[in-house]
N, C-alpha and C. Protein backbone atom coordinates (compact mmCIF):
# COMPACT_ATOMS: atom_id res chain seq x y z
N MET A 1 114.23 241.94 72.04
CA MET A 1 114.37 240.53 72.31
C MET A 1 115.54 239.97 71.51
N VAL A 2 116.39 239.17 72.17
CA VAL A 2 117.56 238.60 71.54
C VAL A 2 117.17 237.28 70.87
N SER A 3 117.60 237.13 69.66
CA SER A 3 117.19 235.93 68.95
C SER A 3 118.11 234.76 69.25
N PHE A 4 117.55 233.58 69.10
CA PHE A 4 118.28 232.33 69.30
C PHE A 4 119.40 232.18 68.26
N LYS A 5 119.17 232.69 67.06
CA LYS A 5 120.16 232.56 65.98
C LYS A 5 121.46 233.29 66.33
N ARG A 6 121.33 234.44 66.98
CA ARG A 6 122.53 235.20 67.35
C ARG A 6 123.40 234.41 68.33
N PHE A 7 122.77 233.81 69.33
CA PHE A 7 123.52 232.99 70.29
C PHE A 7 124.14 231.78 69.62
N TYR A 8 123.42 231.21 68.69
CA TYR A 8 123.91 230.04 67.96
C TYR A 8 125.16 230.38 67.14
N VAL A 9 125.13 231.50 66.44
CA VAL A 9 126.26 231.95 65.62
C VAL A 9 127.45 232.29 66.52
N VAL A 10 127.22 233.01 67.60
CA VAL A 10 128.31 233.35 68.53
C VAL A 10 128.91 232.09 69.14
N GLY A 11 128.05 231.15 69.50
CA GLY A 11 128.52 229.89 70.06
C GLY A 11 129.39 229.13 69.08
N LEU A 12 128.97 229.06 67.82
CA LEU A 12 129.78 228.39 66.79
C LEU A 12 131.11 229.08 66.58
N LEU A 13 131.13 230.39 66.60
CA LEU A 13 132.39 231.13 66.46
C LEU A 13 133.33 230.83 67.62
N LEU A 14 132.81 230.83 68.84
CA LEU A 14 133.65 230.53 70.00
C LEU A 14 134.15 229.09 69.95
N LEU A 15 133.31 228.17 69.52
CA LEU A 15 133.73 226.79 69.39
C LEU A 15 134.84 226.66 68.35
N GLY A 16 134.70 227.32 67.24
CA GLY A 16 135.73 227.31 66.21
C GLY A 16 137.04 227.89 66.71
N LEU A 17 136.95 228.97 67.47
CA LEU A 17 138.16 229.57 68.05
C LEU A 17 138.84 228.60 69.00
N SER A 18 138.06 227.93 69.83
CA SER A 18 138.66 227.02 70.81
C SER A 18 139.27 225.79 70.13
N ILE A 19 138.72 225.36 69.02
CA ILE A 19 139.25 224.19 68.33
C ILE A 19 140.51 224.53 67.55
N PHE A 20 140.53 225.68 66.89
CA PHE A 20 141.65 225.99 65.98
C PHE A 20 142.68 226.95 66.56
N ALA A 21 142.26 227.99 67.25
CA ALA A 21 143.21 229.01 67.70
C ALA A 21 143.87 228.65 69.03
N LEU A 22 143.11 228.15 70.00
CA LEU A 22 143.67 227.90 71.32
C LEU A 22 144.75 226.81 71.33
N PRO A 23 144.59 225.70 70.61
CA PRO A 23 145.69 224.73 70.59
C PRO A 23 146.97 225.31 70.01
N ALA A 24 146.86 226.20 69.05
CA ALA A 24 148.05 226.82 68.47
C ALA A 24 148.75 227.69 69.51
N LEU A 25 147.97 228.36 70.36
CA LEU A 25 148.57 229.18 71.41
C LEU A 25 149.24 228.32 72.47
N ALA A 26 148.68 227.15 72.72
CA ALA A 26 149.19 226.28 73.78
C ALA A 26 150.52 225.62 73.39
N LEU A 27 150.86 225.56 72.12
CA LEU A 27 152.08 224.88 71.69
C LEU A 27 153.25 225.85 71.54
N GLU A 28 153.48 226.65 72.57
CA GLU A 28 154.64 227.54 72.55
C GLU A 28 155.93 226.74 72.59
N TYR A 29 155.90 225.63 73.34
CA TYR A 29 157.09 224.80 73.50
C TYR A 29 156.70 223.34 73.26
N GLU A 30 157.60 222.61 72.64
CA GLU A 30 157.37 221.18 72.43
C GLU A 30 158.73 220.47 72.45
N ILE A 31 158.75 219.31 73.10
CA ILE A 31 159.97 218.51 73.17
C ILE A 31 159.63 217.09 72.72
N SER A 32 160.37 216.57 71.76
CA SER A 32 160.23 215.15 71.43
C SER A 32 161.54 214.46 71.81
N VAL A 33 161.43 213.24 72.33
CA VAL A 33 162.57 212.50 72.87
C VAL A 33 162.66 211.14 72.20
N ASN A 34 163.89 210.75 71.83
CA ASN A 34 164.11 209.42 71.25
C ASN A 34 165.49 208.93 71.65
N PRO A 35 165.58 207.82 72.34
CA PRO A 35 164.54 206.92 72.83
C PRO A 35 163.96 207.43 74.15
N THR A 36 162.87 206.82 74.60
CA THR A 36 162.27 207.20 75.88
C THR A 36 162.78 206.35 77.03
N SER A 37 163.61 205.34 76.72
CA SER A 37 164.27 204.56 77.77
C SER A 37 165.57 204.00 77.22
N ILE A 38 166.54 203.86 78.12
CA ILE A 38 167.84 203.28 77.76
C ILE A 38 168.19 202.22 78.79
N ASP A 39 168.50 201.03 78.32
CA ASP A 39 168.99 199.97 79.19
C ASP A 39 170.47 199.75 78.87
N PHE A 40 171.33 200.14 79.79
CA PHE A 40 172.77 200.00 79.58
C PHE A 40 173.23 198.56 79.76
N GLY A 41 172.35 197.70 80.27
CA GLY A 41 172.73 196.32 80.51
C GLY A 41 173.69 196.23 81.68
N THR A 42 174.60 195.26 81.64
CA THR A 42 175.58 195.07 82.71
C THR A 42 176.90 195.72 82.32
N VAL A 43 177.40 196.59 83.19
CA VAL A 43 178.65 197.31 82.98
C VAL A 43 179.54 197.06 84.19
N ALA A 44 180.78 196.69 83.96
CA ALA A 44 181.72 196.43 85.05
C ALA A 44 181.97 197.72 85.85
N VAL A 45 182.01 197.57 87.18
CA VAL A 45 182.32 198.70 88.04
C VAL A 45 183.69 199.26 87.64
N GLY A 46 183.75 200.59 87.52
CA GLY A 46 184.99 201.26 87.12
C GLY A 46 185.09 201.50 85.63
N THR A 47 184.23 200.88 84.83
CA THR A 47 184.20 201.16 83.39
C THR A 47 182.92 201.94 83.10
N GLU A 48 182.74 202.37 81.85
CA GLU A 48 181.55 203.16 81.53
C GLU A 48 181.03 202.84 80.14
N ASP A 49 179.77 203.18 79.94
CA ASP A 49 179.11 203.04 78.65
C ASP A 49 178.36 204.34 78.41
N THR A 50 178.41 204.85 77.18
CA THR A 50 177.73 206.10 76.83
C THR A 50 176.77 205.85 75.68
N GLN A 51 175.56 206.40 75.80
CA GLN A 51 174.56 206.30 74.74
C GLN A 51 173.93 207.66 74.51
N ASP A 52 173.38 207.86 73.31
CA ASP A 52 172.78 209.13 72.92
C ASP A 52 171.28 209.16 73.15
N VAL A 53 170.79 210.36 73.50
CA VAL A 53 169.36 210.65 73.52
C VAL A 53 169.17 211.85 72.59
N SER A 54 168.35 211.66 71.57
CA SER A 54 168.09 212.74 70.60
C SER A 54 166.84 213.50 70.99
N LEU A 55 166.95 214.83 70.99
CA LEU A 55 165.83 215.70 71.31
C LEU A 55 165.57 216.63 70.13
N LEU A 56 164.31 216.92 69.90
CA LEU A 56 163.90 217.98 68.98
C LEU A 56 163.05 218.94 69.79
N VAL A 57 163.50 220.20 69.86
CA VAL A 57 162.85 221.18 70.72
C VAL A 57 162.29 222.30 69.86
N THR A 58 161.02 222.65 70.12
CA THR A 58 160.38 223.76 69.42
C THR A 58 160.12 224.86 70.43
N ASN A 59 160.53 226.08 70.08
CA ASN A 59 160.31 227.27 70.89
C ASN A 59 159.62 228.29 69.99
N ASN A 60 158.30 228.40 70.12
CA ASN A 60 157.52 229.32 69.28
C ASN A 60 157.34 230.68 69.95
N THR A 61 158.34 231.14 70.69
CA THR A 61 158.27 232.45 71.31
C THR A 61 159.38 233.33 70.74
N ASP A 62 159.30 234.61 71.04
CA ASP A 62 160.32 235.55 70.57
C ASP A 62 161.51 235.66 71.50
N GLU A 63 161.54 234.83 72.52
CA GLU A 63 162.64 234.84 73.50
C GLU A 63 163.35 233.50 73.52
N PRO A 64 164.68 233.48 73.64
CA PRO A 64 165.38 232.21 73.81
C PRO A 64 165.02 231.60 75.17
N VAL A 65 165.09 230.28 75.26
CA VAL A 65 164.79 229.58 76.51
C VAL A 65 165.91 228.58 76.79
N ASP A 66 165.90 228.05 78.00
CA ASP A 66 166.86 227.01 78.37
C ASP A 66 166.15 225.68 78.52
N LEU A 67 166.74 224.65 77.95
CA LEU A 67 166.29 223.28 78.17
C LEU A 67 167.11 222.77 79.36
N ILE A 68 166.42 222.29 80.39
CA ILE A 68 167.07 221.83 81.61
C ILE A 68 167.04 220.31 81.65
N VAL A 69 168.20 219.70 81.89
CA VAL A 69 168.32 218.24 82.00
C VAL A 69 168.69 217.94 83.45
N ASN A 70 167.91 217.05 84.08
CA ASN A 70 168.10 216.78 85.49
C ASN A 70 168.03 215.28 85.75
N LEU A 71 168.98 214.77 86.54
CA LEU A 71 168.91 213.38 86.99
C LEU A 71 169.50 213.27 88.38
N THR A 72 169.16 212.18 89.06
CA THR A 72 169.61 211.96 90.43
C THR A 72 171.11 211.71 90.46
N PRO A 73 171.87 212.51 91.20
CA PRO A 73 173.32 212.31 91.25
C PRO A 73 173.70 211.13 92.15
N GLY A 74 174.90 210.63 91.96
CA GLY A 74 175.46 209.62 92.85
C GLY A 74 175.10 208.19 92.55
N LEU A 75 174.39 207.92 91.46
CA LEU A 75 174.02 206.55 91.14
C LEU A 75 174.79 206.01 89.94
N GLY A 76 175.76 206.77 89.46
CA GLY A 76 176.58 206.31 88.35
C GLY A 76 176.15 206.83 87.00
N PHE A 77 175.01 207.52 86.91
CA PHE A 77 174.56 208.08 85.64
C PHE A 77 174.96 209.55 85.57
N SER A 78 175.34 210.00 84.38
CA SER A 78 175.66 211.41 84.19
C SER A 78 175.26 211.81 82.77
N VAL A 79 175.17 213.11 82.56
CA VAL A 79 174.85 213.65 81.23
C VAL A 79 175.87 214.72 80.91
N ASN A 80 176.20 214.87 79.62
CA ASN A 80 177.29 215.76 79.23
C ASN A 80 177.01 217.24 79.46
N GLN A 81 175.76 217.65 79.55
CA GLN A 81 175.44 219.06 79.75
C GLN A 81 174.08 219.16 80.40
N ALA A 82 173.92 220.04 81.40
CA ALA A 82 172.66 220.15 82.14
C ALA A 82 171.74 221.24 81.60
N ILE A 83 172.30 222.27 80.97
CA ILE A 83 171.50 223.38 80.45
C ILE A 83 171.86 223.59 78.99
N TRP A 84 170.82 223.60 78.15
CA TRP A 84 171.01 223.76 76.71
C TRP A 84 170.20 224.98 76.25
N PRO A 85 170.86 226.00 75.69
CA PRO A 85 170.10 227.15 75.18
C PRO A 85 169.35 226.77 73.89
N VAL A 86 168.11 227.21 73.81
CA VAL A 86 167.28 227.00 72.61
C VAL A 86 166.92 228.38 72.08
N PRO A 87 167.26 228.68 70.83
CA PRO A 87 167.00 230.03 70.30
C PRO A 87 165.51 230.33 70.14
N ALA A 88 165.20 231.62 70.05
CA ALA A 88 163.82 232.06 69.82
C ALA A 88 163.35 231.57 68.45
N ASN A 89 162.06 231.32 68.36
CA ASN A 89 161.42 230.90 67.10
C ASN A 89 162.10 229.71 66.45
N ALA A 90 162.51 228.76 67.25
CA ALA A 90 163.18 227.56 66.74
C ALA A 90 162.16 226.44 66.55
N SER A 91 162.24 225.77 65.43
CA SER A 91 161.35 224.65 65.16
C SER A 91 162.21 223.39 65.00
N ASN A 92 161.91 222.37 65.82
CA ASN A 92 162.67 221.10 65.79
C ASN A 92 164.18 221.33 65.92
N TYR A 93 164.55 222.14 66.89
CA TYR A 93 165.96 222.42 67.17
C TYR A 93 166.60 221.15 67.73
N PRO A 94 167.65 220.62 67.08
CA PRO A 94 168.22 219.33 67.51
C PRO A 94 169.21 219.47 68.66
N ILE A 95 169.07 218.59 69.63
CA ILE A 95 170.01 218.50 70.75
C ILE A 95 170.29 217.02 70.97
N THR A 96 171.56 216.68 71.13
CA THR A 96 171.94 215.29 71.42
C THR A 96 172.59 215.23 72.79
N LEU A 97 171.94 214.52 73.70
CA LEU A 97 172.49 214.30 75.03
C LEU A 97 173.38 213.07 75.00
N LYS A 98 174.51 213.14 75.65
CA LYS A 98 175.38 211.99 75.85
C LYS A 98 175.18 211.53 77.29
N VAL A 99 174.52 210.38 77.45
CA VAL A 99 174.23 209.85 78.78
C VAL A 99 175.23 208.73 79.06
N THR A 100 175.91 208.83 80.21
CA THR A 100 176.94 207.85 80.57
C THR A 100 176.53 207.11 81.83
N PHE A 101 176.77 205.80 81.81
CA PHE A 101 176.58 204.97 83.01
C PHE A 101 177.94 204.43 83.40
N LYS A 102 178.43 204.86 84.58
CA LYS A 102 179.69 204.40 85.15
C LYS A 102 179.38 203.93 86.57
N PRO A 103 179.01 202.63 86.70
CA PRO A 103 178.56 202.15 88.01
C PRO A 103 179.66 202.25 89.07
N ILE A 104 179.23 202.61 90.28
CA ILE A 104 180.16 202.72 91.40
C ILE A 104 180.04 201.53 92.34
N ASP A 105 178.94 200.78 92.20
CA ASP A 105 178.71 199.58 93.02
C ASP A 105 178.13 198.48 92.14
N ALA A 106 178.24 197.26 92.62
CA ALA A 106 177.63 196.12 91.92
C ALA A 106 176.16 196.05 92.32
N GLU A 107 175.32 196.83 91.63
CA GLU A 107 173.89 196.86 91.91
C GLU A 107 173.14 197.33 90.67
N SER A 108 171.84 197.10 90.70
CA SER A 108 170.97 197.55 89.61
C SER A 108 170.38 198.91 89.96
N CYS A 109 170.27 199.77 88.96
CA CYS A 109 169.71 201.10 89.17
C CYS A 109 168.75 201.43 88.04
N THR A 110 167.65 202.06 88.38
CA THR A 110 166.72 202.62 87.41
C THR A 110 166.35 204.00 87.91
N ILE A 111 166.60 205.02 87.09
CA ILE A 111 166.27 206.39 87.47
C ILE A 111 165.68 207.13 86.28
N PRO A 112 164.92 208.20 86.56
CA PRO A 112 164.42 209.03 85.46
C PRO A 112 165.41 210.13 85.11
N LEU A 113 165.56 210.40 83.84
CA LEU A 113 166.28 211.57 83.35
C LEU A 113 165.19 212.53 82.90
N ASN A 114 165.10 213.68 83.55
CA ASN A 114 164.04 214.66 83.28
C ASN A 114 164.55 215.75 82.35
N VAL A 115 163.76 216.07 81.34
CA VAL A 115 164.08 217.11 80.37
C VAL A 115 162.89 218.06 80.32
N ALA A 116 163.12 219.37 80.49
CA ALA A 116 162.02 220.34 80.46
C ALA A 116 162.54 221.71 80.07
N ILE A 117 161.62 222.56 79.60
CA ILE A 117 161.95 223.96 79.36
C ILE A 117 161.96 224.63 80.73
N GLY A 118 163.04 225.32 81.05
CA GLY A 118 163.19 225.94 82.36
C GLY A 118 162.06 226.89 82.70
N GLY A 119 161.41 226.66 83.85
CA GLY A 119 160.36 227.54 84.34
C GLY A 119 159.02 227.41 83.64
N VAL A 120 158.86 226.40 82.78
CA VAL A 120 157.59 226.26 82.06
C VAL A 120 156.94 224.93 82.45
N PRO A 121 155.88 224.98 83.27
CA PRO A 121 155.22 223.74 83.67
C PRO A 121 154.58 223.04 82.47
N GLY A 122 154.52 221.73 82.55
CA GLY A 122 153.86 220.95 81.52
C GLY A 122 154.73 220.60 80.33
N THR A 123 156.02 220.95 80.37
CA THR A 123 156.89 220.65 79.22
C THR A 123 157.79 219.45 79.48
N ALA A 124 157.73 218.87 80.66
CA ALA A 124 158.67 217.82 81.05
C ALA A 124 158.48 216.52 80.26
N LYS A 125 159.59 215.93 79.90
CA LYS A 125 159.64 214.60 79.29
C LYS A 125 160.59 213.77 80.14
N ILE A 126 160.36 212.45 80.18
CA ILE A 126 161.19 211.57 81.00
C ILE A 126 161.79 210.48 80.14
N VAL A 127 163.10 210.24 80.35
CA VAL A 127 163.79 209.11 79.75
C VAL A 127 164.18 208.20 80.92
N THR A 128 163.76 206.94 80.88
CA THR A 128 164.08 206.00 81.95
C THR A 128 165.44 205.37 81.67
N LEU A 129 166.35 205.50 82.64
CA LEU A 129 167.69 204.94 82.52
C LEU A 129 167.82 203.73 83.43
N THR A 130 168.33 202.63 82.88
CA THR A 130 168.51 201.40 83.65
C THR A 130 169.90 200.84 83.39
N GLY A 131 170.53 200.34 84.42
CA GLY A 131 171.84 199.71 84.26
C GLY A 131 172.18 198.89 85.49
N THR A 132 173.08 197.93 85.30
CA THR A 132 173.53 197.09 86.40
C THR A 132 175.04 197.12 86.46
N GLY A 133 175.55 197.45 87.63
CA GLY A 133 176.99 197.41 87.85
C GLY A 133 177.40 195.99 88.21
N ALA A 134 178.54 195.56 87.68
CA ALA A 134 179.03 194.21 87.95
C ALA A 134 180.44 194.28 88.50
N ALA A 135 180.68 193.57 89.60
CA ALA A 135 182.01 193.51 90.18
C ALA A 135 182.91 192.65 89.31
N GLY A 136 184.03 193.19 88.88
CA GLY A 136 184.99 192.43 88.10
C GLY A 136 184.46 191.92 86.78
N GLY A 137 183.41 192.55 86.26
CA GLY A 137 182.87 192.16 84.97
C GLY A 137 181.93 190.98 85.04
N GLY A 138 181.72 190.40 86.21
CA GLY A 138 180.81 189.26 86.34
C GLY A 138 179.39 189.72 86.58
N GLY A 139 178.59 188.85 87.16
CA GLY A 139 177.19 189.18 87.44
C GLY A 139 177.07 190.23 88.52
N GLY A 140 175.98 190.96 88.51
CA GLY A 140 175.77 192.02 89.48
C GLY A 140 174.87 191.59 90.61
N CYS A 141 174.77 192.43 91.60
CA CYS A 141 173.93 192.19 92.76
C CYS A 141 172.86 193.25 92.76
N SER A 142 171.62 192.88 92.92
CA SER A 142 170.51 193.82 92.87
C SER A 142 170.53 194.70 94.11
N ALA A 143 170.21 195.97 93.93
CA ALA A 143 170.14 196.89 95.06
C ALA A 143 169.08 196.45 96.05
N SER A 144 168.04 195.77 95.57
CA SER A 144 166.99 195.33 96.49
C SER A 144 167.46 194.19 97.39
N ASP A 145 168.51 193.45 96.97
CA ASP A 145 169.02 192.36 97.78
C ASP A 145 169.83 192.87 98.97
N SER A 146 170.76 193.78 98.73
CA SER A 146 171.63 194.22 99.80
C SER A 146 171.31 195.62 100.28
N GLY A 147 170.99 196.52 99.39
CA GLY A 147 170.76 197.90 99.76
C GLY A 147 169.55 198.09 100.65
N SER A 148 168.49 197.33 100.42
CA SER A 148 167.27 197.51 101.21
C SER A 148 167.48 197.10 102.65
N LEU A 149 168.19 196.00 102.90
CA LEU A 149 168.45 195.56 104.26
C LEU A 149 169.28 196.61 105.00
N GLY A 150 170.29 197.13 104.36
CA GLY A 150 171.09 198.19 104.98
C GLY A 150 170.27 199.41 105.29
N PHE A 151 169.36 199.77 104.40
CA PHE A 151 168.50 200.93 104.61
C PHE A 151 167.58 200.70 105.80
N VAL A 152 166.99 199.50 105.90
CA VAL A 152 166.10 199.18 107.02
C VAL A 152 166.87 199.23 108.33
N LEU A 153 168.07 198.65 108.36
CA LEU A 153 168.89 198.68 109.58
C LEU A 153 169.25 200.11 109.96
N LEU A 154 169.51 200.92 108.98
CA LEU A 154 169.83 202.32 109.23
C LEU A 154 168.63 203.03 109.87
N LEU A 155 167.43 202.68 109.42
CA LEU A 155 166.23 203.32 109.96
C LEU A 155 165.88 202.83 111.36
N ILE A 156 165.95 201.52 111.60
CA ILE A 156 165.50 201.00 112.90
C ILE A 156 166.61 200.96 113.94
N GLY A 157 167.86 201.07 113.54
CA GLY A 157 168.97 201.03 114.48
C GLY A 157 168.85 202.04 115.61
N PRO A 158 168.63 203.34 115.30
CA PRO A 158 168.48 204.32 116.38
C PRO A 158 167.29 204.05 117.29
N VAL A 159 166.20 203.51 116.74
CA VAL A 159 165.02 203.20 117.55
C VAL A 159 165.35 202.08 118.54
N VAL A 160 166.05 201.05 118.07
CA VAL A 160 166.44 199.94 118.94
C VAL A 160 167.38 200.43 120.04
N LEU A 161 168.36 201.24 119.66
CA LEU A 161 169.29 201.78 120.65
C LEU A 161 168.57 202.63 121.69
N PHE A 162 167.62 203.44 121.27
CA PHE A 162 166.85 204.27 122.18
C PHE A 162 166.06 203.39 123.15
N ALA A 163 165.40 202.35 122.63
CA ALA A 163 164.59 201.46 123.47
C ALA A 163 165.46 200.72 124.48
N LEU A 164 166.61 200.22 124.03
CA LEU A 164 167.51 199.52 124.95
C LEU A 164 168.00 200.45 126.05
N ASN A 165 168.30 201.68 125.69
CA ASN A 165 168.75 202.67 126.66
C ASN A 165 167.65 202.96 127.68
N LYS A 166 166.40 203.07 127.24
CA LYS A 166 165.27 203.32 128.13
C LYS A 166 165.06 202.18 129.09
N TRP A 167 165.37 200.94 128.67
CA TRP A 167 165.20 199.77 129.50
C TRP A 167 166.39 199.57 130.45
N GLY A 168 167.36 200.46 130.34
CA GLY A 168 168.51 200.38 131.25
C GLY A 168 169.64 199.52 130.75
N VAL A 169 169.59 199.10 129.50
CA VAL A 169 170.67 198.29 128.95
C VAL A 169 171.78 199.23 128.50
N GLU A 170 172.97 198.99 129.02
CA GLU A 170 174.11 199.83 128.63
C GLU A 170 174.77 199.27 127.38
N ILE A 171 175.09 200.16 126.46
CA ILE A 171 175.70 199.74 125.21
C ILE A 171 177.05 200.40 125.06
């Protein structure tokens, strides 16, 4: 007959392992980001503003890894380097990203800058980037004011043309 005490002791040992050992195994990689958002304010179209994002990366493995930086292209935001090597067994390895906003249109933009260890799920961190392009250095125009209408017209235009054609209207 198996005693209750044996199960109790084994259960406590497993609980202790899960509290102390498993979290240590789970922290193979860690990324801290400062700041977590950047507001470039208003920047004249054709000019640029650059700000820093400081990262501390921990790689508790015996293999070097790559830190991948990703952002949506074509909105005026850029970063000085997309792939950063992080050495094996590195603790708080410093990386400084140079993020530039060079607006191409007089509009407001907000996009995420994603930072993650390449190929490792659950390591992603996000820095929110915001900026407004201004024509001639003056006030800017929100993308929701002009861009949304253009987008809607782009979407419904072919549908309207198709319907008119079906009704026999020549265009």
